Amino acid sequence: MTLNRDEERNPKRLRDALRLVLQRYAAQITRRPALAIPALVLPAVGDIFTFYAPTIVVANLLSRFAREQTLSWSELVPYVLTFAGLWVCGQIAWRVGIMLIIRIEIRGLEALYIEAMDELLGKDLSFFHDNYAGSLTKRALGYARRFEDVFDVLSLQVSPVLLPLAFVATVLWQYSLWLVVALLGMLSLTVALVFPLIRRRRALVDIREAASNRLAGHMADSILNAEAVRAFARPRVECASSLVAMNDGHIVPAFALRHAPRPLHISTAAANPPFGS
């Protein structure tokens, strides 16, 4: 049989699994630095050139108007060309970054699928007796598939926040150091307030994934043994068991999603790694 619920939700086991999965995801990234570094940096550079740098051009132009300076067309053309050039460079950086993200994610998925299969095939026979085939299939596919989600978060959410933040801090530094201090202070306060919610969300995600794995395993076991179920005339018993598993597999996840913000999907892959603990 599969692990009991206390073992599935063991915090130490989940932390170890999360650490192992993140190490293997990081290995996929460091294995291809020529693709990974531009893929992580270019979307942030695109944001800087598209949203932040053009505003400096506009602010400089408005400051000249505020001083009641009269600008001729020849003086306005450099501002227009600079604004357009920055925007075009930002769009190019975004598109090149997306292409590189797709390439590294495809290669990472291929390597992780093979890695998951190697781990599973290296287990002894008792491991497969103690785990549902459907649950193992779901875990193996999710283990590789979540690499795409994690890398998307790093390249499209984390990097486009940190690098523009450094750019903004550099610009503000030229005016006053206290502006940078105030900015970093507000960000630190926000992180301190949000971090408990993130930890609470992770606990709910762990419960959701454990329930989902039990449901997948039960359905796969029923389908695999459909002949025996019919031979012993127990379809109704199996249906009743499926209903119990479905309540645990869908009502609990619905509660978790309703009462917490959207997760980063990092702990999801680690909740139940395909090769066990």
Protein backbone atom coordinates (compact mmCIF):
# COMPACT_ATOMS: atom_id res chain seq x y z
CA MET A 1 0.00 0.00 0.00
CA THR A 2 1.02 3.65 -0.33
CA LEU A 3 2.32 5.81 2.47
CA ASN A 4 -0.18 6.71 5.14
CA ARG A 5 -1.36 10.28 5.53
CA ASP A 6 0.93 11.17 8.40
CA GLU A 7 3.95 10.06 6.36
CA GLU A 8 2.68 11.91 3.27
CA ARG A 9 2.42 15.16 5.24
CA ASN A 10 5.60 14.71 7.27
CA PRO A 11 7.20 18.19 7.17
CA LYS A 12 10.75 16.82 7.21
CA ARG A 13 10.01 14.46 4.34
CA LEU A 14 8.46 17.28 2.33
CA ARG A 15 11.39 19.61 3.03
CA ASP A 16 13.87 16.94 1.96
CA ALA A 17 11.87 16.24 -1.19
CA LEU A 18 11.63 19.94 -2.00
CA ARG A 19 15.37 20.38 -1.52
CA LEU A 20 16.11 17.38 -3.75
CA VAL A 21 13.79 18.56 -6.53
CA LEU A 22 15.17 22.11 -6.46
CA GLN A 23 18.72 20.76 -6.61
CA ARG A 24 17.86 18.73 -9.69
CA TYR A 25 16.09 21.66 -11.31
CA ALA A 26 19.11 23.87 -10.56
CA ALA A 27 21.35 21.22 -12.13
CA GLN A 28 19.34 21.48 -15.34
CA ILE A 29 19.85 25.25 -15.35
CA THR A 30 23.58 25.22 -14.53
CA ARG A 31 24.14 22.50 -17.12
CA ARG A 32 23.20 24.97 -19.89
CA PRO A 33 24.48 28.40 -18.83
CA ALA A 34 24.63 29.70 -22.41
CA LEU A 35 20.85 29.30 -22.61
CA ALA A 36 19.88 29.79 -18.97
CA ILE A 37 21.56 33.12 -18.24
CA PRO A 38 20.14 35.00 -21.28
CA ALA A 39 16.75 33.36 -20.73
CA LEU A 40 16.67 34.64 -17.14
CA VAL A 41 18.05 38.10 -17.90
CA LEU A 42 16.55 39.13 -21.26
CA PRO A 43 12.89 39.37 -20.12
CA ALA A 44 13.99 41.70 -17.31
CA VAL A 45 16.10 43.74 -19.73
CA GLY A 46 13.08 43.90 -22.03
CA ASP A 47 10.97 45.28 -19.17
CA ILE A 48 13.60 47.91 -18.38
CA PHE A 49 13.85 49.09 -21.99
CA THR A 50 10.09 48.94 -22.55
CA PHE A 51 8.66 50.43 -19.36
CA TYR A 52 11.34 52.11 -17.24
CA ALA A 53 13.95 53.69 -19.51
CA PRO A 54 11.39 55.46 -21.78
CA THR A 55 9.83 57.12 -18.74
CA ILE A 56 13.20 58.74 -18.00
CA VAL A 57 13.19 60.18 -21.52
CA VAL A 58 9.66 61.50 -21.01
CA ALA A 59 10.56 62.91 -17.58
CA ASN A 60 13.57 64.70 -19.06
CA LEU A 61 11.40 66.19 -21.79
CA LEU A 62 8.74 67.30 -19.32
CA SER A 63 11.37 68.89 -17.10
CA ARG A 64 12.43 71.08 -20.01
CA PHE A 65 8.82 72.08 -20.64
CA ALA A 66 8.42 72.82 -16.92
CA ARG A 67 11.30 75.29 -17.19
CA GLU A 68 9.28 76.93 -19.99
CA GLN A 69 11.84 76.10 -22.61
CA THR A 70 10.70 76.18 -26.21
CA LEU A 71 11.87 73.16 -28.20
CA SER A 72 12.07 73.07 -31.96
CA TRP A 73 11.31 69.99 -34.05
CA SER A 74 15.01 69.30 -34.45
CA GLU A 75 15.36 69.25 -30.66
CA LEU A 76 12.33 66.98 -30.19
CA VAL A 77 13.48 64.38 -32.74
CA PRO A 78 16.26 62.93 -30.50
CA TYR A 79 13.72 62.35 -27.70
CA VAL A 80 11.31 60.62 -30.07
CA LEU A 81 14.04 58.46 -31.62
CA THR A 82 15.45 57.54 -28.19
CA PHE A 83 11.99 56.62 -26.91
CA ALA A 84 11.27 54.48 -29.99
CA GLY A 85 14.71 52.89 -29.95
CA LEU A 86 14.43 51.88 -26.30
CA TRP A 87 10.97 50.41 -26.86
CA VAL A 88 12.10 48.44 -29.94
CA CYS A 89 15.16 47.12 -28.09
CA GLY A 90 12.91 46.04 -25.22
CA GLN A 91 10.59 44.16 -27.54
CA ILE A 92 13.52 42.42 -29.24
CA ALA A 93 14.97 41.41 -25.87
CA TRP A 94 11.59 40.01 -24.80
CA ARG A 95 11.16 37.92 -27.93
CA VAL A 96 14.70 36.55 -27.88
CA GLY A 97 14.28 35.77 -24.18
CA ILE A 98 11.04 33.86 -24.81
CA MET A 99 12.73 31.80 -27.53
CA LEU A 100 15.56 30.88 -25.16
CA ILE A 101 13.11 30.07 -22.36
CA ILE A 102 11.29 27.64 -24.64
CA ARG A 103 14.53 25.97 -25.70
CA ILE A 104 15.90 25.44 -22.20
CA GLU A 105 12.54 24.25 -20.88
CA ILE A 106 12.22 21.67 -23.67
CA ARG A 107 15.71 20.34 -23.03
CA GLY A 108 15.13 20.32 -19.29
CA LEU A 109 11.84 18.43 -19.67
CA GLU A 110 13.49 15.80 -21.86
CA ALA A 111 16.31 15.28 -19.37
CA LEU A 112 13.98 15.15 -16.36
CA TYR A 113 11.62 12.65 -17.98
CA ILE A 114 14.57 10.35 -18.63
CA GLU A 115 15.87 10.97 -15.12
CA ALA A 116 12.50 10.09 -13.58
CA MET A 117 12.28 6.86 -15.59
CA ASP A 118 15.83 5.88 -14.63
CA GLU A 119 15.00 6.43 -10.96
CA LEU A 120 11.79 4.40 -11.18
CA LEU A 121 13.35 1.52 -13.10
CA GLY A 122 16.18 1.41 -10.56
CA LYS A 123 13.75 0.61 -7.72
CA ASP A 124 13.22 -2.93 -6.49
CA LEU A 125 9.97 -4.80 -7.06
CA SER A 126 8.59 -4.11 -3.58
CA PHE A 127 8.56 -0.38 -4.32
CA PHE A 128 6.07 -0.93 -7.15
CA HIS A 129 3.97 -3.21 -4.94
CA ASP A 130 3.73 -0.45 -2.33
CA ASN A 131 2.76 2.33 -4.78
CA TYR A 132 -0.12 2.68 -7.21
CA ALA A 133 0.88 2.70 -10.88
CA GLY A 134 -1.36 5.69 -11.59
CA SER A 135 0.07 7.66 -8.70
CA LEU A 136 3.64 6.95 -9.83
CA THR A 137 2.75 7.99 -13.37
CA LYS A 138 1.27 11.26 -12.14
CA ARG A 139 4.29 11.98 -9.96
CA ALA A 140 6.82 11.18 -12.69
CA LEU A 141 5.05 13.39 -15.23
CA GLY A 142 4.53 16.18 -12.69
CA TYR A 143 8.17 16.03 -11.57
CA ALA A 144 9.38 16.87 -15.07
CA ARG A 145 6.47 19.11 -16.04
CA ARG A 146 6.86 21.39 -13.02
CA PHE A 147 10.34 22.38 -14.20
CA GLU A 148 8.60 24.50 -16.83
CA ASP A 149 6.51 26.24 -14.17
CA VAL A 150 9.50 26.88 -11.92
CA PHE A 151 11.63 28.28 -14.73
CA ASP A 152 8.73 30.45 -15.92
CA VAL A 153 8.44 31.89 -12.43
CA LEU A 154 12.17 32.64 -12.28
CA SER A 155 12.40 34.16 -15.75
CA LEU A 156 9.03 35.90 -16.04
CA GLN A 157 8.26 36.90 -12.44
CA VAL A 158 11.38 36.94 -10.25
CA SER A 159 14.00 38.29 -12.67
CA PRO A 160 11.71 41.01 -14.16
CA VAL A 161 11.19 42.28 -10.61
CA LEU A 162 14.74 42.17 -9.23
CA LEU A 163 16.63 43.67 -12.19
CA PRO A 164 14.23 46.60 -12.72
CA LEU A 165 14.37 47.16 -8.96
CA ALA A 166 18.14 47.53 -9.21
CA PHE A 167 17.68 49.89 -12.17
CA VAL A 168 15.17 52.04 -10.26
CA ALA A 169 17.38 52.09 -7.16
CA THR A 170 20.32 53.27 -9.29
CA VAL A 171 18.24 56.10 -10.75
CA LEU A 172 16.88 57.14 -7.35
CA TRP A 173 20.39 57.06 -5.87
CA GLN A 174 21.30 59.98 -8.12
CA TYR A 175 18.64 62.10 -6.41
CA SER A 176 18.75 60.95 -2.78
CA LEU A 177 19.97 57.95 -0.84
CA TRP A 178 16.91 58.18 1.39
CA LEU A 179 14.65 57.39 -1.57
CA VAL A 180 16.47 54.08 -1.99
CA VAL A 181 16.24 53.39 1.75
CA ALA A 182 12.49 54.11 1.70
CA LEU A 183 11.99 51.86 -1.32
CA LEU A 184 13.89 48.94 0.21
CA GLY A 185 12.12 49.46 3.54
CA MET A 186 8.67 49.23 1.95
CA LEU A 187 9.70 46.12 0.05
CA SER A 188 11.05 44.49 3.21
CA LEU A 189 7.82 45.25 5.04
CA THR A 190 5.81 43.72 2.20
CA VAL A 191 7.90 40.54 2.25
CA ALA A 192 7.53 40.27 6.03
CA LEU A 193 3.73 40.52 5.73
CA VAL A 194 3.42 38.10 2.79
CA PHE A 195 5.83 35.40 3.98
CA PRO A 196 3.40 33.85 6.55
CA LEU A 197 0.77 33.62 3.79
CA ILE A 198 3.27 31.82 1.56
CA ARG A 199 4.02 29.28 4.29
CA ARG A 200 0.30 28.73 4.87
CA ARG A 201 -0.25 28.27 1.16
CA ARG A 202 2.53 25.70 0.96
CA ALA A 203 0.85 23.61 3.68
CA LEU A 204 -2.43 23.71 1.74
CA VAL A 205 -0.66 22.71 -1.48
CA ASP A 206 0.89 19.72 0.31
CA ILE A 207 -2.57 18.58 1.42
CA ARG A 208 -3.97 19.08 -2.06
CA GLU A 209 -1.22 17.07 -3.75
CA ALA A 210 -1.48 14.21 -1.25
CA ALA A 211 -5.25 14.00 -1.83
CA SER A 212 -4.82 14.20 -5.61
CA ASN A 213 -2.24 11.40 -5.59
CA ARG A 214 -4.53 9.16 -3.54
CA LEU A 215 -7.37 9.78 -5.98
CA ALA A 216 -5.20 9.04 -9.01
CA GLY A 217 -3.82 5.91 -7.41
CA HIS A 218 -7.25 4.59 -6.45
CA MET A 219 -8.69 5.14 -9.92
CA ALA A 220 -5.66 3.54 -11.60
CA ASP A 221 -5.89 0.54 -9.25
CA SER A 222 -9.59 0.11 -10.01
CA ILE A 223 -9.02 0.27 -13.76
CA LEU A 224 -6.04 -2.08 -13.59
CA ASN A 225 -8.06 -4.64 -11.63
CA ALA A 226 -11.34 -4.13 -13.48
CA GLU A 227 -11.53 -7.85 -14.34
CA ALA A 228 -11.21 -8.88 -10.69
CA VAL A 229 -13.75 -6.23 -9.62
CA ARG A 230 -16.31 -7.64 -12.07
CA ALA A 231 -15.48 -11.24 -11.23
CA PHE A 232 -16.27 -10.65 -7.54
CA ALA A 233 -19.29 -8.42 -8.34
CA ARG A 234 -17.92 -5.44 -6.43
CA PRO A 235 -18.46 -2.50 -8.83
CA ARG A 236 -20.67 -0.68 -6.31
CA VAL A 237 -18.06 -1.02 -3.59
CA GLU A 238 -15.42 0.39 -5.91
CA CYS A 239 -17.73 3.25 -6.89
CA ALA A 240 -18.32 4.07 -3.23
CA SER A 241 -14.58 4.03 -2.57
CA SER A 242 -14.04 6.26 -5.59
CA LEU A 243 -16.60 8.71 -4.22
CA VAL A 244 -14.73 8.91 -0.91
CA ALA A 245 -11.43 9.42 -2.74
CA MET A 246 -13.02 12.03 -5.00
CA ASN A 247 -14.31 14.03 -2.03
CA ASP A 248 -10.83 13.96 -0.55
CA GLY A 249 -9.21 14.71 -3.89
CA HIS A 250 -11.43 17.57 -5.04
CA ILE A 251 -13.14 19.20 -2.05
CA VAL A 252 -9.85 19.59 -0.17
CA PRO A 253 -8.06 21.09 -3.20
CA ALA A 254 -11.01 23.41 -3.84
CA PHE A 255 -10.81 24.63 -0.23
CA ALA A 256 -7.06 25.13 -0.55
CA LEU A 257 -7.42 27.15 -3.74
CA ARG A 258 -10.30 29.22 -2.37
CA HIS A 259 -8.58 30.26 0.84
CA ALA A 260 -5.08 31.06 -0.37
CA PRO A 261 -3.36 32.99 -3.17
CA ARG A 262 -1.94 31.41 -6.32
CA PRO A 263 1.17 29.31 -5.54
CA LEU A 264 4.51 29.30 -7.33
CA HIS A 265 4.15 25.56 -8.05
CA ILE A 266 7.58 24.77 -6.63
CA SER A 267 6.42 22.73 -3.65
CA THR A 268 3.86 20.95 -5.84
CA ALA A 269 6.53 19.01 -7.71
CA ALA A 270 8.32 18.15 -4.48
CA ALA A 271 5.27 17.06 -2.49
CA ASN A 272 5.57 13.52 -3.82
CA PRO A 273 8.68 12.92 -5.93
CA PRO A 274 8.38 10.02 -8.41
CA PHE A 275 11.24 8.04 -6.90
CA GLY A 276 9.99 8.15 -3.31
CA SER A 277 11.98 9.15 -0.26
